[in-house]
Amino acid sequence: MAQVLALIDDIFFQSKLLETAKQLGVEVRICATPDALDSEMAKATPNLVVVDLNARANPLDAIGRVQTSCREIPLIGFLSHVQLDLAERARAAGCREVMPRSKFTQNLATILARAKSEF
């Protein structure tokens, strides 16, 4: 099974992510904080890290930590489509892809399937 780590503290969105992953046979671990993300990354290198850029925990710090530990891990961040400044800061921190939440949600199954095969 592929392993995806997700820094997401929105319980509704966590459920959506976990249900989609279950249907695809993709293992997803939810992390509510950058420290929890670090802890999971210490256990095993994930195929993909997904970051809610609107998480209450410091998502930009989490991106920086992932980049410090392993620059090759693909990072995808999502946010409100009007947060252009935050999108730029996420890219500068090392996020490979930044997309509006609506696009991320729409393409969630494809993103998770890619994590299973490509990443």
Protein backbone atom coordinates (compact mmCIF):
# COMPACT_ATOMS: atom_id res chain seq x y z
CA MET A 1 0.00 0.00 0.00
CA ALA A 2 1.17 3.52 -0.75
CA GLN A 3 1.63 5.83 2.18
CA VAL A 4 0.35 9.37 2.09
CA LEU A 5 0.83 11.72 5.00
CA ALA A 6 -1.64 14.57 5.30
CA LEU A 7 -1.38 17.66 7.49
CA ILE A 8 -5.07 18.42 7.78
CA ASP A 9 -6.95 19.50 10.89
CA ASP A 10 -10.38 19.90 9.25
CA ILE A 11 -12.30 16.83 10.47
CA PHE A 12 -14.80 16.96 7.61
CA PHE A 13 -12.04 17.01 5.02
CA GLN A 14 -10.10 14.29 6.88
CA SER A 15 -13.12 12.02 6.49
CA LYS A 16 -13.38 12.75 2.77
CA LEU A 17 -9.68 12.05 2.26
CA LEU A 18 -9.74 8.82 4.27
CA GLU A 19 -12.86 7.50 2.52
CA THR A 20 -11.44 8.21 -0.94
CA ALA A 21 -8.14 6.60 0.03
CA LYS A 22 -9.91 3.52 1.39
CA GLN A 23 -11.79 3.06 -1.88
CA LEU A 24 -8.47 3.21 -3.78
CA GLY A 25 -6.49 1.03 -1.40
CA VAL A 26 -4.14 3.86 -0.46
CA GLU A 27 -2.88 4.16 3.11
CA VAL A 28 -3.26 7.71 4.46
CA ARG A 29 -2.09 8.91 7.84
CA ILE A 30 -3.58 12.15 9.14
CA CYS A 31 -1.33 14.51 11.08
CA ALA A 32 -2.79 17.51 12.87
CA THR A 33 0.54 19.22 13.61
CA PRO A 34 4.01 19.57 12.09
CA ASP A 35 5.38 17.55 15.05
CA ALA A 36 2.98 14.69 14.28
CA LEU A 37 4.06 14.85 10.63
CA ASP A 38 7.73 14.64 11.71
CA SER A 39 6.93 11.64 13.89
CA GLU A 40 5.19 9.79 11.03
CA MET A 41 8.01 10.61 8.61
CA ALA A 42 10.51 9.15 11.07
CA LYS A 43 8.65 5.84 10.91
CA ALA A 44 8.59 5.54 7.10
CA THR A 45 9.16 7.75 4.07
CA PRO A 46 5.80 8.51 2.47
CA ASN A 47 5.12 8.55 -1.27
CA LEU A 48 3.31 11.88 -0.96
CA VAL A 49 2.69 14.60 1.60
CA VAL A 50 -0.51 16.63 1.36
CA VAL A 51 -0.77 19.91 3.27
CA ASP A 52 -3.86 21.99 3.99
CA LEU A 53 -2.33 25.45 3.78
CA ASN A 54 -5.18 26.76 5.94
CA ALA A 55 -4.47 24.36 8.81
CA ARG A 56 -4.26 25.99 12.24
CA ALA A 57 -0.89 24.35 12.83
CA ASN A 58 1.91 26.06 10.94
CA PRO A 59 1.66 24.45 7.49
CA LEU A 60 4.58 26.42 6.02
CA ASP A 61 6.77 25.19 8.86
CA ALA A 62 5.65 21.63 8.11
CA ILE A 63 6.59 22.04 4.44
CA GLY A 64 10.02 23.32 5.45
CA ARG A 65 10.53 20.36 7.77
CA VAL A 66 9.60 17.87 5.03
CA GLN A 67 12.00 19.58 2.63
CA THR A 68 14.77 19.43 5.23
CA SER A 69 14.31 15.73 5.86
CA CYS A 70 13.77 14.58 2.26
CA ARG A 71 13.58 16.94 -0.69
CA GLU A 72 12.42 14.17 -3.04
CA ILE A 73 9.06 13.65 -1.37
CA PRO A 74 6.32 15.22 -3.50
CA LEU A 75 4.37 17.88 -1.62
CA ILE A 76 0.92 19.08 -2.64
CA GLY A 77 -0.70 21.98 -0.85
CA PHE A 78 -4.24 23.23 -1.17
CA LEU A 79 -5.93 26.45 -0.10
CA SER A 80 -8.64 28.95 -0.94
CA HIS A 81 -8.34 30.13 -4.54
CA VAL A 82 -8.01 33.77 -3.46
CA GLN A 83 -4.92 33.23 -1.28
CA LEU A 84 -2.32 34.02 -3.94
CA ASP A 85 0.29 35.27 -1.45
CA LEU A 86 0.02 32.10 0.64
CA ALA A 87 0.31 30.00 -2.53
CA GLU A 88 3.58 31.75 -3.41
CA ARG A 89 4.95 31.29 0.10
CA ALA A 90 4.09 27.58 -0.03
CA ARG A 91 5.90 27.19 -3.36
CA ALA A 92 8.91 29.05 -1.95
CA ALA A 93 8.90 26.73 1.07
CA GLY A 94 9.08 23.69 -1.23
CA CYS A 95 5.54 22.72 -2.17
CA ARG A 96 5.75 21.05 -5.58
CA GLU A 97 2.10 21.73 -6.41
CA VAL A 98 -0.31 24.26 -4.92
CA MET A 99 -3.94 24.20 -5.95
CA PRO A 100 -7.30 25.59 -4.89
CA ARG A 101 -9.21 23.38 -2.47
CA SER A 102 -11.96 22.89 -5.07
CA LYS A 103 -9.48 21.54 -7.64
CA PHE A 104 -7.79 19.36 -5.02
CA THR A 105 -11.17 17.93 -3.99
CA GLN A 106 -12.22 17.38 -7.59
CA ASN A 107 -8.95 15.56 -8.39
CA LEU A 108 -8.51 13.79 -5.04
CA ALA A 109 -8.97 10.27 -6.40
CA THR A 110 -6.48 10.93 -9.21
CA ILE A 111 -3.93 12.45 -6.83
CA LEU A 112 -4.17 9.50 -4.45
CA ALA A 113 -4.00 6.99 -7.30
CA ARG A 114 -0.84 8.72 -8.55
CA ALA A 115 0.64 8.41 -5.06
CA LYS A 116 0.03 4.69 -5.30
CA SER A 117 1.75 4.30 -8.66
CA GLU A 118 3.93 7.25 -9.74
CA PHE A 119 5.40 9.03 -6.77
